[in-house]
Amino acid sequence: MSSLLAGYFLQTVFNHKYREEKTDGKNKIIKAYGIAQKKTFDYTFKMMISLQDQIEKMVIPWFEQYQIPIEEKEDIHDWLHNSKKNRDEYQQMIEDGFKTLELYF
């Protein structure tokens, strides 16, 4: 009877450790996937920022060259400023989500 209990105990311990290793492997895969997603987001976001900045550098002189009412110029500058502010807030929100993912795994 004692050998039967010992066998059951060893099997239970082995299965528990195997499940832990299996779960740990899944966590590593999910964590690596999260890191890859963060890098992809960072690179894509940086490309988008550089594209928006280049467009701004091209458009602002064009608006300055032509006779546009002052109110409209102010609106355009406000629009550009708000775009940058919202872009930074969005980036911060996504980074907070990735930090939460890192803490979870």
Protein backbone atom coordinates (compact mmCIF):
# COMPACT_ATOMS: atom_id res chain seq x y z
CA MET A 1 0.00 0.00 0.00
CA SER A 2 2.82 2.40 0.87
CA SER A 3 4.51 1.82 -2.51
CA LEU A 4 1.21 2.62 -4.20
CA LEU A 5 0.97 5.89 -2.28
CA ALA A 6 4.60 6.71 -3.06
CA GLY A 7 4.00 6.05 -6.75
CA TYR A 8 0.89 8.24 -6.70
CA PHE A 9 2.81 10.98 -4.88
CA LEU A 10 5.69 10.87 -7.39
CA GLN A 11 3.28 10.91 -10.31
CA THR A 12 1.43 13.90 -8.82
CA VAL A 13 4.68 15.81 -8.23
CA PHE A 14 5.94 14.99 -11.73
CA ASN A 15 2.65 16.08 -13.34
CA HIS A 16 2.64 19.29 -11.31
CA LYS A 17 6.22 20.14 -12.31
CA TYR A 18 5.47 19.26 -15.92
CA ARG A 19 2.45 21.57 -15.91
CA GLU A 20 4.56 24.36 -14.38
CA GLU A 21 7.23 23.92 -17.07
CA LYS A 22 4.57 23.83 -19.76
CA THR A 23 2.92 26.98 -18.38
CA ASP A 24 6.30 28.66 -18.01
CA GLY A 25 7.05 27.90 -21.66
CA LYS A 26 3.74 29.43 -22.69
CA ASN A 27 4.49 32.52 -20.64
CA LYS A 28 7.87 32.87 -22.34
CA ILE A 29 6.25 32.62 -25.75
CA ILE A 30 3.59 35.17 -24.87
CA LYS A 31 6.20 37.50 -23.40
CA ALA A 32 8.38 37.20 -26.53
CA TYR A 33 5.30 37.89 -28.67
CA GLY A 34 4.56 41.00 -26.58
CA ILE A 35 8.13 42.24 -26.99
CA ALA A 36 7.93 41.73 -30.75
CA GLN A 37 4.63 43.62 -30.86
CA LYS A 38 6.11 46.49 -28.84
CA LYS A 39 9.12 46.76 -31.15
CA THR A 40 6.84 46.70 -34.19
CA PHE A 41 4.68 49.42 -32.67
CA ASP A 42 7.72 51.55 -31.75
CA TYR A 43 9.23 51.37 -35.24
CA THR A 44 5.92 52.00 -36.98
CA PHE A 45 5.08 54.88 -34.67
CA LYS A 46 8.50 56.47 -35.20
CA MET A 47 8.02 56.21 -38.96
CA MET A 48 4.61 57.83 -38.68
CA ILE A 49 6.03 60.66 -36.56
CA SER A 50 8.84 61.32 -39.03
CA LEU A 51 6.36 61.32 -41.92
CA GLN A 52 4.06 63.76 -40.13
CA ASP A 53 7.00 66.02 -39.28
CA GLN A 54 8.18 66.02 -42.90
CA ILE A 55 4.69 66.90 -44.12
CA GLU A 56 4.52 69.71 -41.57
CA LYS A 57 7.88 71.06 -42.75
CA MET A 58 6.58 71.08 -46.32
CA VAL A 59 3.11 72.50 -45.62
CA ILE A 60 3.94 75.34 -43.20
CA PRO A 61 6.12 77.27 -45.70
CA TRP A 62 3.46 76.73 -48.34
CA PHE A 63 0.82 78.28 -46.08
CA GLU A 64 3.15 81.13 -45.20
CA GLN A 65 3.80 81.86 -48.86
CA TYR A 66 0.17 82.40 -49.81
CA GLN A 67 -2.20 85.01 -48.46
CA ILE A 68 -4.22 83.09 -45.92
CA PRO A 69 -6.24 84.92 -43.26
CA ILE A 70 -4.61 85.01 -39.83
CA GLU A 71 -7.50 83.13 -38.21
CA GLU A 72 -7.02 80.22 -40.56
CA LYS A 73 -3.27 80.16 -39.94
CA GLU A 74 -3.94 80.05 -36.21
CA ASP A 75 -6.41 77.22 -36.73
CA ILE A 76 -3.82 75.27 -38.70
CA HIS A 77 -1.18 75.80 -36.00
CA ASP A 78 -3.68 74.75 -33.32
CA TRP A 79 -4.56 71.68 -35.35
CA LEU A 80 -0.90 70.70 -35.70
CA HIS A 81 -0.27 71.31 -31.99
CA ASN A 82 -3.29 69.21 -30.97
CA SER A 83 -2.25 66.45 -33.36
CA LYS A 84 1.15 66.21 -31.71
CA LYS A 85 -0.36 66.30 -28.23
CA ASN A 86 -2.86 63.54 -29.05
CA ARG A 87 -0.14 61.51 -30.75
CA ASP A 88 1.98 61.66 -27.59
CA GLU A 89 -0.99 60.72 -25.39
CA TYR A 90 -1.77 57.76 -27.65
CA GLN A 91 1.83 56.59 -27.51
CA GLN A 92 1.83 56.85 -23.71
CA MET A 93 -1.42 54.87 -23.49
CA ILE A 94 0.01 52.06 -25.66
CA GLU A 95 3.26 51.98 -23.66
CA ASP A 96 1.25 51.71 -20.43
CA GLY A 97 -0.59 48.75 -21.93
CA PHE A 98 2.70 47.04 -22.78
CA LYS A 99 3.98 47.69 -19.23
CA THR A 100 0.83 46.05 -17.86
CA LEU A 101 1.43 43.07 -20.14
CA GLU A 102 5.02 42.78 -18.88
CA LEU A 103 3.84 42.85 -15.25
CA TYR A 104 1.25 40.18 -15.95
CA PHE A 105 3.75 37.81 -17.52
